[in-house]
Amino acid sequence: MANKIYVGDIGLEIIIDMQEDINDATTYEMLVLKDGEQVTWDAAIYEDRYLRYVTEEDDLDSSGVYHIQGNFVFPTGWTGLSETVNFTVHPKWK
């Protein structure tokens, strides 16, 4: 990730290290809490154990702290969330 993230940043790569192989997961996404609202970003598996998402227009539409959790479903029936990752999105011009 960039050293400082700003409102409106597009193309920012967000990578979460899941610390284990997640290739067998049938569902993988990032649940994002921003401004008290939860949204879902469709993520991809990257190098077997990482969850990756690249921001698009309107993903980082407000300043503040963003909380992200990976959401997974495995064929074994196990479903769950990763640890929470937090980052701050700064207003433009600061």
Protein backbone atom coordinates (compact mmCIF):
# COMPACT_ATOMS: atom_id res chain seq x y z
CA MET A 1 0.00 0.00 0.00
CA ALA A 2 1.01 3.61 -0.45
CA ASN A 3 2.48 5.50 2.51
CA LYS A 4 -0.54 7.79 2.64
CA ILE A 5 -3.94 7.03 1.13
CA TYR A 6 -6.26 9.78 -0.08
CA VAL A 7 -9.96 10.05 -0.91
CA GLY A 8 -10.47 9.12 -4.55
CA ASP A 9 -7.31 7.02 -4.96
CA ILE A 10 -7.85 4.55 -7.81
CA GLY A 11 -5.57 1.60 -8.52
CA LEU A 12 -4.39 1.24 -4.92
CA GLU A 13 -3.45 -2.40 -4.34
CA ILE A 14 -4.66 -3.78 -1.02
CA ILE A 15 -3.09 -7.11 -0.06
CA ILE A 16 -3.87 -9.07 3.10
CA ASP A 17 -1.55 -11.92 4.15
CA MET A 18 -3.83 -14.75 5.27
CA GLN A 19 -0.82 -16.72 6.62
CA GLU A 20 -2.03 -19.97 5.07
CA ASP A 21 -2.95 -21.39 1.67
CA ILE A 22 -6.42 -20.18 0.65
CA ASN A 23 -6.52 -21.64 -2.88
CA ASP A 24 -9.32 -24.08 -1.96
CA ALA A 25 -11.71 -21.31 -0.91
CA THR A 26 -14.85 -21.10 -3.05
CA THR A 27 -15.75 -17.61 -1.85
CA TYR A 28 -13.26 -14.88 -1.03
CA GLU A 29 -14.04 -11.23 -0.67
CA MET A 30 -13.18 -8.25 1.48
CA LEU A 31 -15.82 -6.93 3.84
CA VAL A 32 -15.17 -3.22 4.30
CA LEU A 33 -16.59 -1.04 7.06
CA LYS A 34 -16.45 2.67 6.22
CA ASP A 35 -18.57 5.47 7.63
CA GLY A 36 -20.49 2.88 9.66
CA GLU A 37 -21.62 1.11 6.48
CA GLN A 38 -20.45 -2.32 5.32
CA VAL A 39 -19.65 -2.85 1.64
CA THR A 40 -18.15 -5.84 -0.15
CA TRP A 41 -15.18 -5.77 -2.49
CA ASP A 42 -14.66 -8.81 -4.75
CA ALA A 43 -11.10 -9.90 -4.10
CA ALA A 44 -8.75 -12.36 -5.75
CA ILE A 45 -6.33 -14.93 -4.39
CA TYR A 46 -2.75 -13.84 -4.97
CA GLU A 47 0.25 -16.18 -4.62
CA ASP A 48 -1.68 -18.84 -2.69
CA ARG A 49 -1.98 -17.08 0.67
CA TYR A 50 -2.81 -13.45 -0.03
CA LEU A 51 -6.12 -11.75 -0.65
CA ARG A 52 -5.78 -8.90 -3.19
CA TYR A 53 -8.01 -6.05 -4.28
CA VAL A 54 -7.29 -3.00 -6.46
CA THR A 55 -9.41 0.06 -5.66
CA GLU A 56 -11.81 1.44 -8.23
CA GLU A 57 -13.71 4.70 -8.55
CA ASP A 58 -15.83 5.44 -5.45
CA ASP A 59 -14.20 2.72 -3.28
CA LEU A 60 -12.34 5.34 -1.23
CA ASP A 61 -15.03 7.99 -1.35
CA SER A 62 -14.72 9.36 2.18
CA SER A 63 -11.96 10.11 4.67
CA GLY A 64 -11.62 8.21 7.90
CA VAL A 65 -10.60 4.79 9.17
CA TYR A 66 -11.49 1.80 6.97
CA HIS A 67 -11.76 -1.66 8.54
CA ILE A 68 -11.35 -4.70 6.28
CA GLN A 69 -11.83 -8.42 6.90
CA GLY A 70 -11.34 -11.26 4.44
CA ASN A 71 -14.45 -13.45 4.16
CA PHE A 72 -13.97 -17.09 3.13
CA VAL A 73 -15.95 -20.25 2.43
CA PHE A 74 -14.12 -23.55 1.96
CA PRO A 75 -15.52 -26.77 0.42
CA THR A 76 -15.13 -28.46 3.82
CA GLY A 77 -17.97 -26.26 5.05
CA TRP A 78 -15.71 -23.98 7.07
CA THR A 79 -16.56 -20.33 6.72
CA GLY A 80 -15.06 -17.40 8.54
CA LEU A 81 -13.33 -14.07 8.66
CA SER A 82 -9.72 -13.00 8.77
CA GLU A 83 -8.25 -10.65 11.32
CA THR A 84 -9.24 -7.02 10.81
CA VAL A 85 -6.93 -4.74 8.85
CA ASN A 86 -7.30 -0.99 9.39
CA PHE A 87 -6.05 1.97 7.40
CA THR A 88 -6.76 5.69 7.28
CA VAL A 89 -7.98 7.48 4.17
CA HIS A 90 -6.98 11.15 4.28
CA PRO A 91 -8.92 14.04 2.74
CA LYS A 92 -7.40 15.56 -0.38
CA TRP A 93 -5.17 18.62 -0.08
CA LYS A 94 -3.66 17.76 3.30
